[in-house]
Amino acid sequence: MRPIENAMRPGTGITKLQQLGLEVYRKMGVPRPESVLIFFHGLGLSHMDLEEITPDGTPLGDWVMEPGMVVATHLLWPGGAKERIWLEDVALVGNERAEPFSSWDFDPITGP
């Protein structure tokens, strides 16, 4: 999550951020890193608060970060109940990087 947020700056597209995140998983030796789901959305109840098409009808598949944008990032490493990992964070896009709203770390939460 942190490498992705560190790369969130004005003009960076979500495709580049997804590629960066997948590369981190590859370097970690995660089996089938291409199966990791990485997605982003702005803040809205429907998760569809960003336009999907431009005014001329062209699909908008790679929207870019803008200064002051609040972005939720989700990372899902699939697997069974004891293997999957889900990370979510919300951050404010700045000129150099995104600043997360929370102060927690991303260590796994383990139960009894």
Protein backbone atom coordinates (compact mmCIF):
# COMPACT_ATOMS: atom_id res chain seq x y z
CA MET A 1 0.00 0.00 0.00
CA ARG A 2 2.73 2.47 0.93
CA PRO A 3 4.61 2.21 -2.40
CA ILE A 4 1.35 2.91 -4.21
CA GLU A 5 0.50 5.90 -2.01
CA ASN A 6 4.06 7.20 -2.38
CA ALA A 7 3.55 7.20 -6.16
CA MET A 8 0.14 8.95 -6.03
CA ARG A 9 0.88 12.41 -7.35
CA PRO A 10 -0.84 14.66 -9.87
CA GLY A 11 -0.81 13.16 -13.36
CA THR A 12 -0.16 9.55 -12.30
CA GLY A 13 -2.72 7.17 -13.78
CA ILE A 14 -4.30 4.24 -11.99
CA THR A 15 -2.85 1.80 -14.54
CA LYS A 16 0.68 2.82 -13.49
CA LEU A 17 -0.28 2.51 -9.82
CA GLN A 18 -1.73 -0.96 -10.41
CA GLN A 19 1.44 -2.04 -12.23
CA LEU A 20 3.55 -0.72 -9.35
CA GLY A 21 1.49 -2.65 -6.82
CA LEU A 22 1.68 -5.87 -8.82
CA GLU A 23 5.44 -5.48 -9.10
CA VAL A 24 5.69 -5.28 -5.30
CA TYR A 25 3.76 -8.56 -5.03
CA ARG A 26 6.01 -10.17 -7.69
CA LYS A 27 9.15 -9.14 -5.78
CA MET A 28 7.63 -10.61 -2.60
CA GLY A 29 7.31 -13.96 -4.36
CA VAL A 30 3.52 -14.06 -4.10
CA PRO A 31 2.15 -17.03 -6.05
CA ARG A 32 0.20 -15.89 -9.12
CA PRO A 33 0.75 -12.14 -8.53
CA GLU A 34 -1.39 -11.42 -11.61
CA SER A 35 -4.38 -12.62 -9.56
CA VAL A 36 -3.98 -9.79 -7.03
CA LEU A 37 -6.83 -7.30 -7.37
CA ILE A 38 -5.90 -3.62 -7.05
CA PHE A 39 -8.57 -1.00 -7.52
CA PHE A 40 -9.20 2.63 -6.69
CA HIS A 41 -12.18 4.91 -6.30
CA GLY A 42 -12.96 8.38 -5.12
CA LEU A 43 -15.30 8.84 -2.19
CA GLY A 44 -18.93 8.16 -2.97
CA LEU A 45 -21.60 5.81 -1.75
CA SER A 46 -21.78 3.92 -5.03
CA HIS A 47 -18.01 3.70 -5.62
CA MET A 48 -18.87 5.08 -9.07
CA ASP A 49 -18.46 8.77 -8.35
CA LEU A 50 -15.86 9.17 -11.11
CA GLU A 51 -16.98 9.40 -14.70
CA GLU A 52 -16.56 6.21 -16.74
CA ILE A 53 -16.64 7.97 -20.11
CA THR A 54 -15.46 11.31 -21.44
CA PRO A 55 -17.99 13.83 -22.77
CA ASP A 56 -17.40 12.52 -26.31
CA GLY A 57 -18.21 8.92 -25.27
CA THR A 58 -14.66 7.57 -25.04
CA PRO A 59 -14.16 5.09 -22.18
CA LEU A 60 -12.10 6.57 -19.37
CA GLY A 61 -10.11 3.53 -18.29
CA ASP A 62 -7.10 5.27 -16.80
CA TRP A 63 -8.06 8.27 -14.74
CA VAL A 64 -5.24 10.24 -13.17
CA MET A 65 -4.51 11.60 -9.75
CA GLU A 66 -5.25 15.26 -9.14
CA PRO A 67 -4.03 17.43 -6.24
CA GLY A 68 -6.48 17.38 -3.35
CA MET A 69 -8.24 14.23 -4.61
CA VAL A 70 -9.30 11.78 -1.92
CA VAL A 71 -8.75 8.22 -3.13
CA ALA A 72 -9.60 4.87 -1.58
CA THR A 73 -7.21 2.07 -2.55
CA HIS A 74 -8.07 -1.62 -2.21
CA LEU A 75 -5.63 -4.52 -2.49
CA LEU A 76 -6.89 -8.10 -2.41
CA TRP A 77 -4.53 -11.05 -2.40
CA PRO A 78 -6.99 -13.88 -3.09
CA GLY A 79 -7.10 -17.23 -1.38
CA GLY A 80 -8.93 -19.21 1.24
CA ALA A 81 -9.94 -17.90 4.64
CA LYS A 82 -6.40 -18.35 6.01
CA GLU A 83 -4.52 -17.13 2.93
CA ARG A 84 -6.31 -14.07 1.59
CA ILE A 85 -5.29 -10.59 2.58
CA TRP A 86 -7.40 -7.47 2.10
CA LEU A 87 -5.92 -4.00 2.50
CA GLU A 88 -7.84 -0.77 2.21
CA ASP A 89 -6.70 2.78 2.82
CA VAL A 90 -7.93 6.28 2.08
CA ALA A 91 -5.46 9.04 1.28
CA LEU A 92 -5.28 12.65 0.13
CA VAL A 93 -3.27 13.17 -3.08
CA GLY A 94 -0.57 15.79 -2.62
CA ASN A 95 2.04 17.18 -4.98
CA GLU A 96 4.71 14.63 -3.98
CA ARG A 97 2.70 11.67 -2.60
CA ALA A 98 -0.61 10.78 -0.99
CA GLU A 99 -1.06 11.25 2.75
CA PRO A 100 -3.17 8.53 4.39
CA PHE A 101 -5.97 9.61 6.71
CA SER A 102 -5.23 6.79 9.14
CA SER A 103 -2.12 6.11 11.17
CA TRP A 104 -2.41 2.31 11.30
CA ASP A 105 0.10 -0.04 9.80
CA PHE A 106 -0.67 -2.96 7.53
CA ASP A 107 0.39 -5.87 9.69
CA PRO A 108 -2.11 -8.74 9.55
CA ILE A 109 -4.87 -8.72 12.17
CA THR A 110 -4.89 -12.13 13.76
CA GLY A 111 -7.67 -13.60 15.83
CA PRO A 112 -7.78 -16.20 18.57
